[in-house]
Amino acid sequence: MSTLNSFLNKLPIAFYTLFTFTLGSCSGDRTYQTKTIENRYSISISRGMKQYENHSNTIAMLYRDKERGECIAVTDHLKESGKALLTSHLQTLADNPELLGVPIKNARFGKPFAKQINGHNAIQAGMSALIKLGDKWESVWGIVAYIEGKTHIYQITTWLADDEPGEDDARLHDMINSFEELKEEEY
């Protein structure tokens, strides 16, 4: 759990409140273990989500500042034959945006580009959509990235509600760039 602490500590300090978020559109057993970190963060760790297409268990969905709609989703995907399939993962998501694990509609993805995140190969794209936060639909702007770890490909998604592309990109990029690989034995 120390790597997760490190990941959380690198996030911008402006985010203080963290709420547990339950996945709404994934099938499978929704068995979660809730943990509190530093008396500040509550995370829900899925133990039994069924694999759907190329997507596997959600490690944690972190929901920050519900009123402002800031949240981070972390999902892992087992690498197939040790090959990074970053572009195909992004295409799968573009074809099936519900794989983000939240009620979503009108998803639009920007042009993906390759980058390095903490020494890992990654592909990243901007996205806009309507996402259901609580009981109402919110217009969100965000970034989705697929990062090639040693054994997994990680999907990291960040959103800001009621924001336009370019208005607060630095905050989203800071969240993406703070990624550190979660070790399998830690979840």
Protein backbone atom coordinates (compact mmCIF):
# COMPACT_ATOMS: atom_id res chain seq x y z
CA MET A 1 0.00 0.00 0.00
CA SER A 2 3.07 2.27 0.27
CA THR A 3 3.15 2.74 -3.51
CA LEU A 4 -0.51 3.84 -3.45
CA ASN A 5 0.36 6.28 -0.64
CA SER A 6 3.19 7.62 -2.79
CA PHE A 7 0.78 7.96 -5.75
CA LEU A 8 -1.76 9.83 -3.60
CA ASN A 9 0.87 12.07 -2.00
CA LYS A 10 2.01 13.29 -5.43
CA LEU A 11 -1.49 14.48 -6.34
CA PRO A 12 -2.09 18.23 -6.09
CA ILE A 13 -2.58 19.25 -2.46
CA ALA A 14 -5.68 21.28 -3.37
CA PHE A 15 -7.75 18.10 -3.36
CA TYR A 16 -8.79 17.27 0.19
CA THR A 17 -12.02 15.32 0.15
CA LEU A 18 -12.20 11.82 -1.24
CA PHE A 19 -15.41 9.85 -1.55
CA THR A 20 -15.86 6.19 -2.28
CA PHE A 21 -17.41 5.66 -5.70
CA THR A 22 -19.24 2.48 -6.67
CA LEU A 23 -18.99 1.34 -10.27
CA GLY A 24 -22.29 1.62 -12.04
CA SER A 25 -21.94 0.02 -15.44
CA CYS A 26 -19.59 -2.93 -15.02
CA SER A 27 -20.95 -6.41 -14.64
CA GLY A 28 -19.74 -8.85 -12.06
CA ASP A 29 -19.50 -9.16 -8.32
CA ARG A 30 -19.16 -5.75 -6.69
CA THR A 31 -17.18 -6.86 -3.64
CA TYR A 32 -15.13 -3.98 -2.32
CA GLN A 33 -12.72 -3.58 0.53
CA THR A 34 -12.74 0.00 1.77
CA LYS A 35 -9.51 1.40 3.17
CA THR A 36 -8.75 4.73 4.77
CA ILE A 37 -5.31 6.20 4.15
CA GLU A 38 -3.83 8.84 6.46
CA ASN A 39 -7.31 9.50 7.90
CA ARG A 40 -7.88 11.53 4.74
CA TYR A 41 -8.61 9.22 1.84
CA SER A 42 -11.14 6.44 1.49
CA ILE A 43 -10.65 4.09 -1.43
CA SER A 44 -12.71 1.19 -2.62
CA ILE A 45 -10.75 -1.75 -3.98
CA SER A 46 -12.61 -4.23 -6.15
CA ARG A 47 -11.98 -7.89 -5.43
CA GLY A 48 -14.23 -9.68 -7.91
CA MET A 49 -14.96 -7.73 -11.09
CA LYS A 50 -15.22 -10.02 -14.11
CA GLN A 51 -12.98 -9.37 -17.10
CA TYR A 52 -14.87 -7.65 -19.90
CA GLU A 53 -13.15 -7.76 -23.30
CA ASN A 54 -9.57 -6.51 -22.73
CA HIS A 55 -10.41 -4.93 -19.40
CA SER A 56 -9.85 -6.58 -16.05
CA ASN A 57 -10.36 -5.72 -12.39
CA THR A 58 -10.64 -2.16 -11.25
CA ILE A 59 -7.98 -1.58 -8.63
CA ALA A 60 -9.49 1.58 -7.24
CA MET A 61 -11.79 4.35 -8.31
CA LEU A 62 -10.85 7.52 -6.49
CA TYR A 63 -13.52 10.20 -6.40
CA ARG A 64 -12.34 13.62 -5.26
CA ASP A 65 -14.40 16.70 -4.48
CA LYS A 66 -17.80 15.49 -5.67
CA GLU A 67 -19.15 19.02 -6.00
CA ARG A 68 -16.45 19.95 -8.50
CA GLY A 69 -16.50 16.55 -10.19
CA GLU A 70 -12.77 15.91 -9.92
CA CYS A 71 -12.00 12.22 -9.98
CA ILE A 72 -9.41 9.67 -10.93
CA ALA A 73 -10.04 6.13 -12.11
CA VAL A 74 -7.29 3.51 -12.10
CA THR A 75 -7.90 0.25 -13.96
CA ASP A 76 -5.39 -2.46 -14.73
CA HIS A 77 -5.29 -4.73 -17.77
CA LEU A 78 -3.12 -7.82 -17.99
CA LYS A 79 -0.61 -7.51 -20.80
CA GLU A 80 -1.08 -10.06 -23.56
CA SER A 81 2.09 -12.00 -24.43
CA GLY A 82 4.11 -9.17 -22.92
CA LYS A 83 3.15 -6.81 -25.76
CA ALA A 84 1.93 -3.30 -25.17
CA LEU A 85 -1.38 -2.82 -26.95
CA LEU A 86 -1.85 0.79 -25.95
CA THR A 87 -3.47 2.01 -29.16
CA SER A 88 -5.88 -0.92 -29.35
CA HIS A 89 -6.87 -0.36 -25.71
CA LEU A 90 -7.72 3.26 -26.49
CA GLN A 91 -9.70 2.19 -29.58
CA THR A 92 -11.61 -0.37 -27.47
CA LEU A 93 -12.48 2.41 -25.02
CA ALA A 94 -13.54 4.77 -27.82
CA ASP A 95 -15.85 2.04 -29.18
CA ASN A 96 -17.20 1.17 -25.70
CA PRO A 97 -16.88 4.24 -23.42
CA GLU A 98 -18.96 2.50 -20.74
CA LEU A 99 -15.76 0.56 -19.96
CA LEU A 100 -14.69 3.64 -17.99
CA GLY A 101 -16.94 2.20 -15.30
CA VAL A 102 -19.29 5.17 -14.92
CA PRO A 103 -22.57 6.07 -16.63
CA ILE A 104 -21.37 7.99 -19.68
CA LYS A 105 -22.74 9.33 -22.97
CA ASN A 106 -21.62 11.58 -25.84
CA ALA A 107 -17.97 10.61 -25.31
CA ARG A 108 -15.54 12.24 -27.75
CA PHE A 109 -11.81 11.50 -27.79
CA GLY A 110 -9.01 13.73 -29.06
CA LYS A 111 -6.07 12.57 -31.15
CA PRO A 112 -3.89 10.21 -29.07
CA PHE A 113 -0.17 10.81 -28.68
CA ALA A 114 2.68 8.75 -27.27
CA LYS A 115 4.63 9.90 -24.22
CA GLN A 116 6.70 8.69 -21.27
CA ILE A 117 5.23 8.76 -17.75
CA ASN A 118 7.75 8.08 -14.99
CA GLY A 119 9.80 5.92 -17.36
CA HIS A 120 6.82 3.98 -18.74
CA ASN A 121 5.59 4.00 -22.35
CA ALA A 122 2.16 5.58 -22.53
CA ILE A 123 -0.48 6.85 -24.92
CA GLN A 124 -2.73 9.72 -23.91
CA ALA A 125 -5.80 11.46 -25.34
CA GLY A 126 -8.16 14.19 -24.23
CA MET A 127 -11.83 13.40 -23.90
CA SER A 128 -15.12 15.15 -23.30
CA ALA A 129 -18.37 13.52 -22.30
CA LEU A 130 -21.48 13.63 -20.19
CA ILE A 131 -20.93 11.60 -17.02
CA LYS A 132 -23.50 10.89 -14.35
CA LEU A 133 -22.16 12.24 -11.05
CA GLY A 134 -24.58 11.44 -8.27
CA ASP A 135 -28.07 11.84 -9.71
CA LYS A 136 -27.36 14.36 -12.48
CA TRP A 137 -25.48 14.40 -15.78
CA GLU A 138 -22.41 16.66 -15.83
CA SER A 139 -20.39 17.88 -18.79
CA VAL A 140 -16.79 16.85 -18.17
CA TRP A 141 -13.40 17.38 -19.77
CA GLY A 142 -10.68 14.89 -19.04
CA ILE A 143 -7.64 12.90 -20.02
CA VAL A 144 -7.37 9.15 -20.50
CA ALA A 145 -3.96 7.49 -20.60
CA TYR A 146 -2.84 3.91 -21.08
CA ILE A 147 0.49 3.21 -19.38
CA GLU A 148 2.61 0.11 -19.98
CA GLY A 149 3.80 -1.27 -16.65
CA LYS A 150 5.96 -4.34 -16.13
CA THR A 151 3.07 -6.81 -16.05
CA HIS A 152 -0.04 -4.72 -16.68
CA ILE A 153 -1.34 -1.94 -18.87
CA TYR A 154 -2.95 0.71 -16.68
CA GLN A 155 -5.81 2.96 -17.68
CA ILE A 156 -5.70 6.25 -15.80
CA THR A 157 -8.61 8.64 -16.31
CA THR A 158 -9.04 12.10 -14.79
CA TRP A 159 -12.03 14.42 -15.17
CA LEU A 160 -13.05 17.93 -14.27
CA ALA A 161 -16.75 18.81 -14.34
CA ASP A 162 -18.03 22.01 -15.96
CA ASP A 163 -14.63 22.75 -17.45
CA GLU A 164 -13.49 23.40 -20.99
CA PRO A 165 -10.36 21.99 -22.62
CA GLY A 166 -7.38 24.18 -21.80
CA GLU A 167 -8.92 25.88 -18.76
CA ASP A 168 -7.23 23.72 -16.15
CA ASP A 169 -5.18 21.20 -18.09
CA ALA A 170 -2.17 21.52 -15.76
CA ARG A 171 -4.12 19.96 -12.89
CA LEU A 172 -5.20 17.01 -15.05
CA HIS A 173 -1.68 16.49 -16.40
CA ASP A 174 -0.26 16.58 -12.85
CA MET A 175 -2.64 13.78 -11.87
CA ILE A 176 -1.70 11.66 -14.89
CA ASN A 177 2.03 12.30 -14.56
CA SER A 178 2.04 11.35 -10.86
CA PHE A 179 1.37 7.72 -11.83
CA GLU A 180 3.48 5.04 -10.16
CA GLU A 181 2.89 1.38 -10.91
CA LEU A 182 0.84 -0.39 -8.25
CA LYS A 183 2.35 -3.75 -7.37
CA GLU A 184 0.01 -6.70 -7.82
CA GLU A 185 0.54 -7.93 -4.27
CA GLU A 186 -0.65 -4.58 -2.92
CA TYR A 187 -4.30 -4.91 -3.95
